[in-house]
Structure formats: structure tokens, C-alpha cells
Amino acid sequence: MIDFEKQSVFKLAPCRPEDIASQVSPILIQGEQIVSCFKTVRDFVVFTNKRIIAVNVQGMTGRKKDFTTLPYSRVQVFSIETAGTFDMDAELDLWFSGLGKVRLEFKGHADVKLLGQVIATYVL
């Protein structure tokens, strides 16, 4: 499981759903669709219409992967912070029942306002 105790889990950049779909499609349930996705060099986070899936790619070959599901139904509070002029990173903080705070950091050109709308759609 990803260590959510760290200050920030990822420095994420937007990616195309087709770049990661083959890796997450085996764990998606019927009717679940990818809404948005972001990645680092190896790890990635997928926002679906049901949950957030954080994928930690492990080992030298990257064949071993840890898939952590963060269901929207367990989100109690969330906060977005957009990028600024000097602070080029955007942040999404989520507080999950039973887990606590999870922070995802995004490179400045990520649309965190859209992520806020997606999460609000499924949480509120």
C-alpha cells in the first residue's frame, strides 16, 4: 500500500487515459469509467466515476504494481489549491473516513478545479 503518511504522495502530470487503461482495466467494475489520469515517471493515479486508484509501480522491471483504491463514498472533506505565479504546483487534499488525509500534488498545468468538480459530483 502507498504510504499516505508522507507529506505528499505524488508530483503528478496529466496523461492520456489510453496510456494507462490497459493496466487498470482489469480491476475496473462494470460501468466504471476513467474520468481523468495523472502520472509520474512510473506511478500513476486514475480518477474514475467510482473511486481514485493510486498505482505504485514497484521493482526494477515494474511488473509488480500496488493498486490502492480510495472510494469517493469514504471522502468526508476535500480541498483543492490551484497553482499560482510563483508556486507552480497544485494540490488536492482528501480526508477519508478510517484513513485520514491524503495529499496529491500536481504539476502546475493540471486542472485541479476539474478534479474538484469530479469529486464533488460523486461525494455530494
Protein backbone atom coordinates (compact mmCIF):
# COMPACT_ATOMS: atom_id res chain seq x y z
CA MET A 1 0.00 0.00 0.00
CA ILE A 2 1.14 3.53 -0.70
CA ASP A 3 2.47 5.37 2.34
CA PHE A 4 -0.09 8.13 2.83
CA GLU A 5 1.74 9.35 5.93
CA LYS A 6 4.20 11.25 3.72
CA GLN A 7 3.54 14.95 3.21
CA SER A 8 2.76 14.46 -0.47
CA VAL A 9 2.11 11.26 -2.35
CA PHE A 10 2.94 12.23 -5.91
CA LYS A 11 4.11 15.04 -8.22
CA LEU A 12 1.65 14.26 -10.96
CA ALA A 13 1.34 15.42 -14.56
CA PRO A 14 -1.69 14.85 -16.79
CA CYS A 15 -1.58 11.80 -19.05
CA ARG A 16 -3.86 10.26 -21.63
CA PRO A 17 -6.27 7.55 -20.43
CA GLU A 18 -5.19 5.27 -23.27
CA ASP A 19 -1.63 5.33 -21.86
CA ILE A 20 -2.70 3.58 -18.64
CA ALA A 21 -6.06 1.96 -19.48
CA SER A 22 -4.60 -1.49 -20.15
CA GLN A 23 -3.05 -1.51 -16.67
CA VAL A 24 -6.21 -0.58 -14.74
CA SER A 25 -8.99 -2.00 -16.90
CA PRO A 26 -8.68 -5.49 -15.31
CA ILE A 27 -9.67 -4.04 -11.90
CA LEU A 28 -12.50 -1.75 -13.06
CA ILE A 29 -16.03 -2.87 -12.25
CA GLN A 30 -18.93 -2.93 -14.67
CA GLY A 31 -19.96 0.61 -15.59
CA GLU A 32 -16.80 2.17 -14.15
CA GLN A 33 -15.07 4.62 -16.48
CA ILE A 34 -11.83 6.58 -16.35
CA VAL A 35 -12.56 10.29 -15.91
CA SER A 36 -9.00 11.63 -15.60
CA CYS A 37 -5.50 10.33 -15.00
CA PHE A 38 -2.09 11.62 -13.97
CA LYS A 39 1.34 10.06 -13.70
CA THR A 40 4.89 10.44 -12.51
CA VAL A 41 7.76 8.64 -14.19
CA ARG A 42 6.37 5.22 -13.13
CA ASP A 43 3.47 5.67 -10.71
CA PHE A 44 0.04 6.99 -11.65
CA VAL A 45 -3.34 7.99 -10.25
CA VAL A 46 -6.64 7.34 -12.00
CA PHE A 47 -9.89 9.15 -11.22
CA THR A 48 -12.90 7.07 -12.25
CA ASN A 49 -16.60 7.69 -11.80
CA LYS A 50 -16.47 5.45 -8.67
CA ARG A 51 -13.08 5.92 -7.00
CA ILE A 52 -9.48 7.06 -7.11
CA ILE A 53 -6.95 4.36 -7.92
CA ALA A 54 -3.34 5.07 -6.90
CA VAL A 55 -0.87 2.74 -8.61
CA ASN A 56 2.61 2.28 -7.16
CA VAL A 57 4.88 0.58 -9.70
CA GLN A 58 7.49 -1.49 -7.88
CA GLY A 59 10.72 -3.33 -8.62
CA MET A 60 13.34 -2.99 -11.32
CA THR A 61 11.13 -4.25 -14.13
CA GLY A 62 7.94 -2.51 -13.00
CA ARG A 63 5.91 -5.70 -13.39
CA LYS A 64 4.87 -5.62 -9.73
CA LYS A 65 2.20 -2.99 -9.01
CA ASP A 66 0.29 -1.98 -5.91
CA PHE A 67 -3.28 -0.79 -6.67
CA THR A 68 -4.80 1.26 -3.84
CA THR A 69 -8.50 2.09 -4.09
CA LEU A 70 -9.79 5.27 -2.48
CA PRO A 71 -13.60 5.22 -2.83
CA TYR A 72 -15.43 8.52 -3.15
CA SER A 73 -18.01 7.18 -0.70
CA ARG A 74 -15.39 7.43 2.10
CA VAL A 75 -14.40 11.07 1.39
CA GLN A 76 -15.52 13.32 4.22
CA VAL A 77 -13.81 16.58 3.19
CA PHE A 78 -11.72 17.68 0.24
CA SER A 79 -9.77 20.78 -0.70
CA ILE A 80 -8.13 21.97 -3.92
CA GLU A 81 -5.34 24.51 -4.18
CA THR A 82 -4.63 25.87 -7.64
CA ALA A 83 -1.17 26.77 -8.94
CA GLY A 84 -0.02 30.35 -8.58
CA THR A 85 2.54 32.62 -10.19
CA PHE A 86 5.46 31.54 -8.01
CA ASP A 87 4.08 28.29 -6.56
CA MET A 88 3.61 26.29 -9.76
CA ASP A 89 2.18 23.19 -8.08
CA ALA A 90 -1.49 22.47 -7.45
CA GLU A 91 -2.72 20.26 -4.61
CA LEU A 92 -5.69 18.09 -3.80
CA ASP A 93 -6.27 17.17 -0.16
CA LEU A 94 -8.81 14.49 0.69
CA TRP A 95 -9.86 13.30 4.14
CA PHE A 96 -11.04 9.71 4.15
CA SER A 97 -13.03 8.03 6.88
CA GLY A 98 -10.75 5.45 8.52
CA LEU A 99 -7.62 6.60 6.67
CA GLY A 100 -7.14 10.29 7.31
CA LYS A 101 -5.65 12.88 4.99
CA VAL A 102 -4.30 12.07 1.54
CA ARG A 103 -2.49 14.78 -0.42
CA LEU A 104 -1.88 14.57 -4.14
CA GLU A 105 0.44 17.16 -5.69
CA PHE A 106 0.16 18.11 -9.34
CA LYS A 107 2.46 19.97 -11.67
CA GLY A 108 1.13 23.47 -12.43
CA HIS A 109 -0.70 22.72 -15.69
CA ALA A 110 -3.05 20.17 -14.11
CA ASP A 111 -6.69 21.28 -13.92
CA VAL A 112 -7.45 20.70 -10.22
CA LYS A 113 -10.67 22.70 -10.49
CA LEU A 114 -11.99 20.00 -12.81
CA LEU A 115 -10.91 17.35 -10.29
CA GLY A 116 -12.81 19.26 -7.60
CA GLN A 117 -15.93 19.15 -9.77
CA VAL A 118 -15.49 15.43 -10.41
CA ILE A 119 -15.09 14.65 -6.73
CA ALA A 120 -18.00 16.90 -5.77
CA THR A 121 -20.20 15.12 -8.31
CA TYR A 122 -19.65 11.77 -6.62
CA VAL A 123 -19.29 12.90 -2.97
CA LEU A 124 -22.06 15.49 -2.55
